[in-house]
Amino acid sequence: MNQPESPQTHVRQAIRAGDLVVGTFVFEFATAGIGRLAAGAGASFVIYDAEHTGWTWETIGTLVATTRGTGADSYVRVPTTDRSEISRALDAGARGVMVPMVESADQASAIVAWAKYPPAGVRGAAFGLAHDDYVRGDGAAYMRRSNADNLVLTQIETAAGLAAVEEIAAVEGVDVLWVGQYDLTTSMGIPGEFGHPDYLAGLDRVAAAARTHGKVAGFMAGTAAEAAMLAERGFTMFAYSGDLWIYQDALRAGIEDVRAKAQAQVAAPAHGGGKPAGAAK
């Protein structure tokens, strides 16, 4: 049975055209519907985090599987730069991997090699699995298609990574330079100081490296204002916050609104001057 020729993913098409793409992170809600909810809300991609969560590969596989076919690409942030982590994420069906704390061109080259099939890399070949929708067909054609479409997102989140960002950006096969703002500012000795001139200069350096080498600069933005500031600097790929913070912020705002409006009515005289049913006489 031949594998159908699939077009480039929406995200791959967009970044090659230099267009803006927006998705989100998922850290907490490992439900079968979370990818579809994100896609229905307009997310172009979902990044499932395996670095800061306790999720097993079985959980990651389920999340990726239930996101396939939604129109949103699924990526996995692996916990380490280990070869097995990268290959397992891709074999589970992810359309790309995000790798934390990349600090050199050699490290970036190794990541690309592990994420790509020969001749571009050394990814192990096993077909008829989750990543090719269990269809056994033309392996050579599939490998070429996968090499062209899957994304490699390298995180620039240490002072060493920032110092080497131009060399990392020059590595063929690296697609995205993604700033990890909390780790980066901590590594720079200015934890959480997102208005610090050294941090802002670092953002500009990442964007310039991406622009020079035909790559994309990415960021997890918590607000539209932050995204606008970064877009002005040259960033074009954004994850809008993450599931647990989106839920908590929306719930907090809703509860505060309900409490304020309902309390105003509770404090006002009851319509008709009577007490609520069941109230003490």
C-alpha atoms as a PDB file:
ATOM      1  CA  MET A   1       0.000   0.000   0.000  1.00  0.00           C
ATOM      2  CA  ASN A   2       1.433   3.378  -0.965  1.00  0.00           C
ATOM      3  CA  GLN A   3       1.554   6.231   1.473  1.00  0.00           C
ATOM      4  CA  PRO A   4      -0.400   9.242   0.240  1.00  0.00           C
ATOM      5  CA  GLU A   5       1.630  12.262  -0.690  1.00  0.00           C
ATOM      6  CA  SER A   6       0.872  14.794   2.021  1.00  0.00           C
ATOM      7  CA  PRO A   7       1.376  18.509   1.424  1.00  0.00           C
ATOM      8  CA  GLN A   8       3.669  20.540   3.618  1.00  0.00           C
ATOM      9  CA  THR A   9       2.154  21.308   6.972  1.00  0.00           C
ATOM     10  CA  HIS A  10       0.506  24.667   7.496  1.00  0.00           C
ATOM     11  CA  VAL A  11       3.302  25.756   9.831  1.00  0.00           C
ATOM     12  CA  ARG A  12       6.052  24.676   7.443  1.00  0.00           C
ATOM     13  CA  GLN A  13       4.386  26.539   4.578  1.00  0.00           C
ATOM     14  CA  ALA A  14       3.922  29.641   6.729  1.00  0.00           C
ATOM     15  CA  ILE A  15       7.465  29.864   8.050  1.00  0.00           C
ATOM     16  CA  ARG A  16       8.926  29.281   4.605  1.00  0.00           C
ATOM     17  CA  ALA A  17       6.824  32.205   3.401  1.00  0.00           C
ATOM     18  CA  GLY A  18       7.905  34.355   6.356  1.00  0.00           C
ATOM     19  CA  ASP A  19       4.366  34.509   7.726  1.00  0.00           C
ATOM     20  CA  LEU A  20       3.308  34.744  11.352  1.00  0.00           C
ATOM     21  CA  VAL A  21       2.306  31.497  13.079  1.00  0.00           C
ATOM     22  CA  VAL A  22       0.694  31.210  16.516  1.00  0.00           C
ATOM     23  CA  GLY A  23       0.137  28.130  18.651  1.00  0.00           C
ATOM     24  CA  THR A  24       0.261  27.211  22.315  1.00  0.00           C
ATOM     25  CA  PHE A  25       1.971  25.025  24.915  1.00  0.00           C
ATOM     26  CA  VAL A  26       0.393  22.163  26.848  1.00  0.00           C
ATOM     27  CA  PHE A  27       1.872  21.220  30.215  1.00  0.00           C
ATOM     28  CA  GLU A  28      -0.966  19.922  32.359  1.00  0.00           C
ATOM     29  CA  PHE A  29      -4.163  18.739  30.695  1.00  0.00           C
ATOM     30  CA  ALA A  30      -3.340  15.370  29.166  1.00  0.00           C
ATOM     31  CA  THR A  31      -6.797  14.816  27.727  1.00  0.00           C
ATOM     32  CA  ALA A  32      -7.754  13.378  24.361  1.00  0.00           C
ATOM     33  CA  GLY A  33      -9.498  16.628  23.492  1.00  0.00           C
ATOM     34  CA  ILE A  34      -6.802  19.167  24.289  1.00  0.00           C
ATOM     35  CA  GLY A  35      -5.238  19.205  20.813  1.00  0.00           C
ATOM     36  CA  ARG A  36      -8.626  19.478  19.146  1.00  0.00           C
ATOM     37  CA  LEU A  37      -9.629  22.267  21.518  1.00  0.00           C
ATOM     38  CA  ALA A  38      -6.455  24.166  20.673  1.00  0.00           C
ATOM     39  CA  ALA A  39      -6.948  23.627  16.947  1.00  0.00           C
ATOM     40  CA  GLY A  40     -10.583  24.717  17.220  1.00  0.00           C
ATOM     41  CA  ALA A  41      -9.434  27.898  18.936  1.00  0.00           C
ATOM     42  CA  GLY A  42      -7.185  28.692  15.994  1.00  0.00           C
ATOM     43  CA  ALA A  43      -3.813  27.337  17.138  1.00  0.00           C
ATOM     44  CA  SER A  44      -1.546  26.420  14.242  1.00  0.00           C
ATOM     45  CA  PHE A  45       0.534  24.167  16.465  1.00  0.00           C
ATOM     46  CA  VAL A  46       0.625  22.636  19.929  1.00  0.00           C
ATOM     47  CA  ILE A  47       3.864  22.006  21.815  1.00  0.00           C
ATOM     48  CA  TYR A  48       3.539  19.152  24.304  1.00  0.00           C
ATOM     49  CA  ASP A  49       6.054  19.576  27.090  1.00  0.00           C
ATOM     50  CA  ALA A  50       8.062  16.565  28.221  1.00  0.00           C
ATOM     51  CA  GLU A  51      10.757  18.634  29.938  1.00  0.00           C
ATOM     52  CA  HIS A  52       8.874  20.039  32.909  1.00  0.00           C
ATOM     53  CA  THR A  53       6.125  17.423  33.233  1.00  0.00           C
ATOM     54  CA  GLY A  54       5.993  13.857  34.481  1.00  0.00           C
ATOM     55  CA  TRP A  55       4.314  12.565  31.341  1.00  0.00           C
ATOM     56  CA  THR A  56       5.320   9.167  30.039  1.00  0.00           C
ATOM     57  CA  TRP A  57       5.903   8.398  26.385  1.00  0.00           C
ATOM     58  CA  GLU A  58       2.557   6.635  26.341  1.00  0.00           C
ATOM     59  CA  THR A  59       0.874   9.888  27.379  1.00  0.00           C
ATOM     60  CA  ILE A  60       2.856  11.903  24.834  1.00  0.00           C
ATOM     61  CA  GLY A  61       1.901   9.409  22.134  1.00  0.00           C
ATOM     62  CA  THR A  62      -1.788   9.740  22.962  1.00  0.00           C
ATOM     63  CA  LEU A  63      -1.638  13.540  22.937  1.00  0.00           C
ATOM     64  CA  VAL A  64       0.152  13.591  19.598  1.00  0.00           C
ATOM     65  CA  ALA A  65      -2.186  10.988  18.077  1.00  0.00           C
ATOM     66  CA  THR A  66      -5.316  12.904  19.057  1.00  0.00           C
ATOM     67  CA  THR A  67      -3.883  16.108  17.581  1.00  0.00           C
ATOM     68  CA  ARG A  68      -3.074  14.596  14.197  1.00  0.00           C
ATOM     69  CA  GLY A  69      -5.707  15.452  11.637  1.00  0.00           C
ATOM     70  CA  THR A  70      -6.919  18.546  13.496  1.00  0.00           C
ATOM     71  CA  GLY A  71      -5.092  21.061  11.315  1.00  0.00           C
ATOM     72  CA  ALA A  72      -2.695  21.916  14.158  1.00  0.00           C
ATOM     73  CA  ASP A  73       0.817  20.477  14.079  1.00  0.00           C
ATOM     74  CA  SER A  74       2.051  18.759  17.212  1.00  0.00           C
ATOM     75  CA  TYR A  75       5.598  19.206  18.509  1.00  0.00           C
ATOM     76  CA  VAL A  76       7.225  17.698  21.564  1.00  0.00           C
ATOM     77  CA  ARG A  77       9.686  19.515  23.781  1.00  0.00           C
ATOM     78  CA  VAL A  78      11.999  16.699  24.767  1.00  0.00           C
ATOM     79  CA  PRO A  79      13.632  16.744  28.208  1.00  0.00           C
ATOM     80  CA  THR A  80      17.239  16.357  26.998  1.00  0.00           C
ATOM     81  CA  THR A  81      19.321  16.371  23.843  1.00  0.00           C
ATOM     82  CA  ASP A  82      19.565  12.579  24.005  1.00  0.00           C
ATOM     83  CA  ARG A  83      19.124  10.783  20.682  1.00  0.00           C
ATOM     84  CA  SER A  84      16.480   8.400  22.013  1.00  0.00           C
ATOM     85  CA  GLU A  85      14.287  11.256  23.254  1.00  0.00           C
ATOM     86  CA  ILE A  86      14.310  12.930  19.843  1.00  0.00           C
ATOM     87  CA  SER A  87      13.640   9.764  17.855  1.00  0.00           C
ATOM     88  CA  ARG A  88      10.861   8.601  20.194  1.00  0.00           C
ATOM     89  CA  ALA A  89       9.056  11.938  19.945  1.00  0.00           C
ATOM     90  CA  LEU A  90       9.157  11.811  16.154  1.00  0.00           C
ATOM     91  CA  ASP A  91       8.240   8.129  15.967  1.00  0.00           C
ATOM     92  CA  ALA A  92       5.252   8.874  18.202  1.00  0.00           C
ATOM     93  CA  GLY A  93       4.008  11.116  15.404  1.00  0.00           C
ATOM     94  CA  ALA A  94       5.186  14.597  16.380  1.00  0.00           C
ATOM     95  CA  ARG A  95       5.805  16.899  13.421  1.00  0.00           C
ATOM     96  CA  GLY A  96       8.893  18.285  15.091  1.00  0.00           C
ATOM     97  CA  VAL A  97      10.951  18.504  18.255  1.00  0.00           C
ATOM     98  CA  MET A  98      11.908  21.364  20.517  1.00  0.00           C
ATOM     99  CA  VAL A  99      15.233  20.792  22.273  1.00  0.00           C
ATOM    100  CA  PRO A 100      16.175  22.769  25.403  1.00  0.00           C
ATOM    101  CA  MET A 101      19.451  24.535  26.195  1.00  0.00           C
ATOM    102  CA  VAL A 102      21.228  24.237  22.859  1.00  0.00           C
ATOM    103  CA  GLU A 103      24.634  25.844  23.290  1.00  0.00           C
ATOM    104  CA  SER A 104      26.791  25.081  20.249  1.00  0.00           C
ATOM    105  CA  ALA A 105      26.791  24.363  16.544  1.00  0.00           C
ATOM    106  CA  ASP A 106      28.077  20.853  17.240  1.00  0.00           C
ATOM    107  CA  GLN A 107      25.151  20.179  19.544  1.00  0.00           C
ATOM    108  CA  ALA A 108      22.697  21.588  16.988  1.00  0.00           C
ATOM    109  CA  SER A 109      24.240  19.447  14.250  1.00  0.00           C
ATOM    110  CA  ALA A 110      23.841  16.322  16.382  1.00  0.00           C
ATOM    111  CA  ILE A 111      20.178  17.166  17.061  1.00  0.00           C
ATOM    112  CA  VAL A 112      19.512  17.623  13.349  1.00  0.00           C
ATOM    113  CA  ALA A 113      21.252  14.338  12.569  1.00  0.00           C
ATOM    114  CA  TRP A 114      19.094  12.467  15.081  1.00  0.00           C
ATOM    115  CA  ALA A 115      15.922  14.099  13.748  1.00  0.00           C
ATOM    116  CA  LYS A 116      16.575  13.434  10.047  1.00  0.00           C
ATOM    117  CA  TYR A 117      16.703  10.231   8.038  1.00  0.00           C
ATOM    118  CA  PRO A 118      19.745   9.460   5.883  1.00  0.00           C
ATOM    119  CA  PRO A 119      21.351  11.009   3.981  1.00  0.00           C
ATOM    120  CA  ALA A 120      20.574  14.193   5.960  1.00  0.00           C
ATOM    121  CA  GLY A 121      20.931  12.439   9.311  1.00  0.00           C
ATOM    122  CA  VAL A 122      20.983   9.149  11.155  1.00  0.00           C
ATOM    123  CA  ARG A 123      17.401   8.763  12.382  1.00  0.00           C
ATOM    124  CA  GLY A 124      16.486   5.118  12.664  1.00  0.00           C
ATOM    125  CA  ALA A 125      14.055   3.869  10.017  1.00  0.00           C
ATOM    126  CA  ALA A 126      10.932   2.025  11.153  1.00  0.00           C
ATOM    127  CA  PHE A 127       7.744   2.319   9.129  1.00  0.00           C
ATOM    128  CA  GLY A 128       4.094   1.407   9.513  1.00  0.00           C
ATOM    129  CA  LEU A 129       4.103   3.065  12.945  1.00  0.00           C
ATOM    130  CA  ALA A 130       2.331   6.044  14.500  1.00  0.00           C
ATOM    131  CA  HIS A 131       4.451   8.627  12.703  1.00  0.00           C
ATOM    132  CA  ASP A 132       3.318   7.471   9.251  1.00  0.00           C
ATOM    133  CA  ASP A 133      -0.229   6.617  10.327  1.00  0.00           C
ATOM    134  CA  TYR A 134       0.503   2.869  10.286  1.00  0.00           C
ATOM    135  CA  VAL A 135       0.744   2.826   6.504  1.00  0.00           C
ATOM    136  CA  ARG A 136       3.536   0.747   4.999  1.00  0.00           C
ATOM    137  CA  GLY A 137       4.631   2.048   1.646  1.00  0.00           C
ATOM    138  CA  ASP A 138       7.493   3.723  -0.163  1.00  0.00           C
ATOM    139  CA  GLY A 139       9.997   4.211   2.644  1.00  0.00           C
ATOM    140  CA  ALA A 140      12.402   6.293   0.594  1.00  0.00           C
ATOM    141  CA  ALA A 141       9.680   8.745  -0.437  1.00  0.00           C
ATOM    142  CA  TYR A 142       8.428   8.962   3.130  1.00  0.00           C
ATOM    143  CA  MET A 143      11.909   9.704   4.474  1.00  0.00           C
ATOM    144  CA  ARG A 144      12.383  12.516   1.960  1.00  0.00           C
ATOM    145  CA  ARG A 145       8.996  13.987   2.857  1.00  0.00           C
ATOM    146  CA  SER A 146       9.618  13.715   6.587  1.00  0.00           C
ATOM    147  CA  ASN A 147      13.052  15.304   6.323  1.00  0.00           C
ATOM    148  CA  ALA A 148      11.537  18.226   4.436  1.00  0.00           C
ATOM    149  CA  ASP A 149       8.522  18.762   6.666  1.00  0.00           C
ATOM    150  CA  ASN A 150       9.490  18.022  10.272  1.00  0.00           C
ATOM    151  CA  LEU A 151      10.722  20.996  12.292  1.00  0.00           C
ATOM    152  CA  VAL A 152      13.764  21.273  14.532  1.00  0.00           C
ATOM    153  CA  LEU A 153      13.302  23.967  17.159  1.00  0.00           C
ATOM    154  CA  THR A 154      16.455  24.778  19.142  1.00  0.00           C
ATOM    155  CA  GLN A 155      16.067  26.684  22.391  1.00  0.00           C
ATOM    156  CA  ILE A 156      18.398  29.575  23.071  1.00  0.00           C
ATOM    157  CA  GLU A 157      18.096  29.870  26.829  1.00  0.00           C
ATOM    158  CA  THR A 158      21.580  30.163  28.277  1.00  0.00           C
ATOM    159  CA  ALA A 159      24.322  32.753  28.028  1.00  0.00           C
ATOM    160  CA  ALA A 160      26.455  30.165  26.208  1.00  0.00           C
ATOM    161  CA  GLY A 161      23.676  29.501  23.714  1.00  0.00           C
ATOM    162  CA  LEU A 162      23.232  33.203  23.103  1.00  0.00           C
ATOM    163  CA  ALA A 163      26.970  33.614  22.539  1.00  0.00           C
ATOM    164  CA  ALA A 164      26.855  30.856  19.911  1.00  0.00           C
ATOM    165  CA  VAL A 165      23.488  31.745  18.350  1.00  0.00           C
ATOM    166  CA  GLU A 166      24.949  32.752  14.995  1.00  0.00           C
ATOM    167  CA  GLU A 167      26.769  29.427  14.679  1.00  0.00           C
ATOM    168  CA  ILE A 168      23.659  27.503  15.756  1.00  0.00           C
ATOM    169  CA  ALA A 169      21.549  29.391  13.219  1.00  0.00           C
ATOM    170  CA  ALA A 170      24.007  28.499  10.471  1.00  0.00           C
ATOM    171  CA  VAL A 171      23.467  24.741  10.967  1.00  0.00           C
ATOM    172  CA  GLU A 172      21.501  23.273   8.071  1.00  0.00           C
ATOM    173  CA  GLY A 173      18.357  21.578   9.347  1.00  0.00           C
ATOM    174  CA  VAL A 174      17.775  23.944  12.272  1.00  0.00           C
ATOM    175  CA  ASP A 175      14.466  25.670  11.585  1.00  0.00           C
ATOM    176  CA  VAL A 176      13.671  27.751  14.660  1.00  0.00           C
ATOM    177  CA  LEU A 177      15.679  29.641  17.278  1.00  0.00           C
ATOM    178  CA  TRP A 178      13.344  29.690  20.272  1.00  0.00           C
ATOM    179  CA  VAL A 179      14.132  31.950  23.220  1.00  0.00           C
ATOM    180  CA  GLY A 180      13.482  30.488  26.664  1.00  0.00           C
ATOM    181  CA  GLN A 181      13.166  33.779  28.498  1.00  0.00           C
ATOM    182  CA  TYR A 182      13.199  32.615  32.108  1.00  0.00           C
ATOM    183  CA  ASP A 183      16.200  30.345  31.744  1.00  0.00           C
ATOM    184  CA  LEU A 184      18.006  32.880  29.568  1.00  0.00           C
ATOM    185  CA  THR A 185      17.634  35.767  31.997  1.00  0.00           C
ATOM    186  CA  THR A 186      18.599  33.483  34.881  1.00  0.00           C
ATOM    187  CA  SER A 187      21.713  32.346  33.032  1.00  0.00           C
ATOM    188  CA  MET A 188      22.561  35.986  32.298  1.00  0.00           C
ATOM    189  CA  GLY A 189      22.349  36.836  36.003  1.00  0.00           C
ATOM    190  CA  ILE A 190      19.198  38.964  35.598  1.00  0.00           C
ATOM    191  CA  PRO A 191      16.433  36.471  36.423  1.00  0.00           C
ATOM    192  CA  GLY A 192      13.016  37.697  35.325  1.00  0.00           C
ATOM    193  CA  GLU A 193      14.263  41.150  34.311  1.00  0.00           C
ATOM    194  CA  PHE A 194      12.569  41.217  30.927  1.00  0.00           C
ATOM    195  CA  GLY A 195      13.096  44.931  30.488  1.00  0.00           C
ATOM    196  CA  HIS A 196      16.842  44.715  31.103  1.00  0.00           C
ATOM    197  CA  PRO A 197      18.875  46.133  28.211  1.00  0.00           C
ATOM    198  CA  ASP A 198      21.112  43.047  28.066  1.00  0.00           C
ATOM    199  CA  TYR A 199      18.087  40.780  27.680  1.00  0.00           C
ATOM    200  CA  LEU A 200      16.534  43.010  25.028  1.00  0.00           C
ATOM    201  CA  ALA A 201      19.844  43.068  23.180  1.00  0.00           C
ATOM    202  CA  GLY A 202      19.826  39.273  23.387  1.00  0.00           C
ATOM    203  CA  LEU A 203      16.403  39.146  21.741  1.00  0.00           C
ATOM    204  CA  ASP A 204      17.691  41.343  18.928  1.00  0.00           C
ATOM    205  CA  ARG A 205      20.738  39.117  18.519  1.00  0.00           C
ATOM    206  CA  VAL A 206      18.571  35.990  18.186  1.00  0.00           C
ATOM    207  CA  ALA A 207      16.271  37.688  15.669  1.00  0.00           C
ATOM    208  CA  ALA A 208      19.231  38.944  13.646  1.00  0.00           C
ATOM    209  CA  ALA A 209      20.823  35.484  13.571  1.00  0.00           C
ATOM    210  CA  ALA A 210      17.548  33.964  12.403  1.00  0.00           C
ATOM    211  CA  ARG A 211      17.118  36.596   9.704  1.00  0.00           C
ATOM    212  CA  THR A 212      20.695  36.246   8.446  1.00  0.00           C
ATOM    213  CA  HIS A 213      20.510  32.467   8.109  1.00  0.00           C
ATOM    214  CA  GLY A 214      16.945  32.127   6.868  1.00  0.00           C
ATOM    215  CA  LYS A 215      15.601  30.720  10.121  1.00  0.00           C
ATOM    216  CA  VAL A 216      12.672  31.680  12.352  1.00  0.00           C
ATOM    217  CA  ALA A 217      12.794  33.320  15.787  1.00  0.00           C
ATOM    218  CA  GLY A 218      10.223  31.906  18.243  1.00  0.00           C
ATOM    219  CA  PHE A 219       8.928  32.730  21.716  1.00  0.00           C
ATOM    220  CA  MET A 220       6.237  31.796  24.237  1.00  0.00           C
ATOM    221  CA  ALA A 221       4.337  35.067  24.706  1.00  0.00           C
ATOM    222  CA  GLY A 222       2.056  35.548  27.667  1.00  0.00           C
ATOM    223  CA  THR A 223       0.260  38.595  26.279  1.00  0.00           C
ATOM    224  CA  ALA A 224      -0.582  40.194  22.962  1.00  0.00           C
ATOM    225  CA  ALA A 225       1.509  43.232  23.926  1.00  0.00           C
ATOM    226  CA  GLU A 226       4.562  41.046  24.501  1.00  0.00           C
ATOM    227  CA  ALA A 227       4.029  39.323  21.146  1.00  0.00           C
ATOM    228  CA  ALA A 228       3.733  42.690  19.401  1.00  0.00           C
ATOM    229  CA  MET A 229       7.009  43.865  20.955  1.00  0.00           C
ATOM    230  CA  LEU A 230       8.756  40.690  19.810  1.00  0.00           C
ATOM    231  CA  ALA A 231       7.224  40.803  16.329  1.00  0.00           C
ATOM    232  CA  GLU A 232       8.598  44.312  15.954  1.00  0.00           C
ATOM    233  CA  ARG A 233      12.019  42.858  16.776  1.00  0.00           C
ATOM    234  CA  GLY A 234      11.682  40.159  14.126  1.00  0.00           C
ATOM    235  CA  PHE A 235      10.045  37.188  15.864  1.00  0.00           C
ATOM    236  CA  THR A 236       7.385  35.438  13.789  1.00  0.00           C
ATOM    237  CA  MET A 237       6.535  32.212  15.649  1.00  0.00           C
ATOM    238  CA  PHE A 238       4.662  32.433  18.946  1.00  0.00           C
ATOM    239  CA  ALA A 239       3.167  30.049  21.448  1.00  0.00           C
ATOM    240  CA  TYR A 240       0.473  31.891  23.343  1.00  0.00           C
ATOM    241  CA  SER A 241       1.011  30.847  26.955  1.00  0.00           C
ATOM    242  CA  GLY A 242       0.181  27.333  28.176  1.00  0.00           C
ATOM    243  CA  ASP A 243      -2.918  25.384  29.106  1.00  0.00           C
ATOM    244  CA  LEU A 244      -2.694  25.659  32.894  1.00  0.00           C
ATOM    245  CA  TRP A 245      -2.064  29.425  32.899  1.00  0.00           C
ATOM    246  CA  ILE A 246      -4.721  30.115  30.285  1.00  0.00           C
ATOM    247  CA  TYR A 247      -7.246  28.152  32.329  1.00  0.00           C
ATOM    248  CA  GLN A 248      -6.259  29.729  35.633  1.00  0.00           C
ATOM    249  CA  ASP A 249      -6.219  33.283  34.266  1.00  0.00           C
ATOM    250  CA  ALA A 250      -9.583  32.854  32.533  1.00  0.00           C
ATOM    251  CA  LEU A 251     -11.102  31.211  35.602  1.00  0.00           C
ATOM    252  CA  ARG A 252      -9.780  33.932  37.902  1.00  0.00           C
ATOM    253  CA  ALA A 253     -11.146  36.674  35.660  1.00  0.00           C
ATOM    254  CA  GLY A 254     -14.519  34.952  35.382  1.00  0.00           C
ATOM    255  CA  ILE A 255     -14.816  34.321  39.115  1.00  0.00           C
ATOM    256  CA  GLU A 256     -13.880  37.900  39.932  1.00  0.00           C
ATOM    257  CA  ASP A 257     -16.419  39.204  37.404  1.00  0.00           C
ATOM    258  CA  VAL A 258     -19.194  36.929  38.687  1.00  0.00           C
ATOM    259  CA  ARG A 259     -18.401  37.775  42.278  1.00  0.00           C
ATOM    260  CA  ALA A 260     -18.379  41.529  41.657  1.00  0.00           C
ATOM    261  CA  LYS A 261     -21.596  41.620  39.640  1.00  0.00           C
ATOM    262  CA  ALA A 262     -23.485  39.146  41.788  1.00  0.00           C
ATOM    263  CA  GLN A 263     -22.346  40.791  45.010  1.00  0.00           C
ATOM    264  CA  ALA A 264     -23.719  44.112  43.787  1.00  0.00           C
ATOM    265  CA  GLN A 265     -27.125  42.498  43.354  1.00  0.00           C
ATOM    266  CA  VAL A 266     -26.960  40.655  46.671  1.00  0.00           C
ATOM    267  CA  ALA A 267     -26.205  43.922  48.426  1.00  0.00           C
ATOM    268  CA  ALA A 268     -29.046  45.734  46.658  1.00  0.00           C
ATOM    269  CA  PRO A 269     -32.619  45.587  48.036  1.00  0.00           C
ATOM    270  CA  ALA A 270     -34.453  42.549  46.736  1.00  0.00           C
ATOM    271  CA  HIS A 271     -37.005  43.189  43.991  1.00  0.00           C
ATOM    272  CA  GLY A 272     -40.430  43.699  45.567  1.00  0.00           C
ATOM    273  CA  GLY A 273     -38.880  44.324  48.950  1.00  0.00           C
ATOM    274  CA  GLY A 274     -39.185  40.710  50.050  1.00  0.00           C
ATOM    275  CA  LYS A 275     -36.509  38.322  51.311  1.00  0.00           C
ATOM    276  CA  PRO A 276     -35.350  35.307  49.339  1.00  0.00           C
ATOM    277  CA  ALA A 277     -37.413  32.177  49.733  1.00  0.00           C
ATOM    278  CA  GLY A 278     -36.400  30.252  52.832  1.00  0.00           C
ATOM    279  CA  ALA A 279     -34.859  33.272  54.527  1.00  0.00           C
ATOM    280  CA  ALA A 280     -35.385  33.533  58.303  1.00  0.00           C
ATOM    281  CA  LYS A 281     -38.413  35.586  59.337  1.00  0.00           C
END
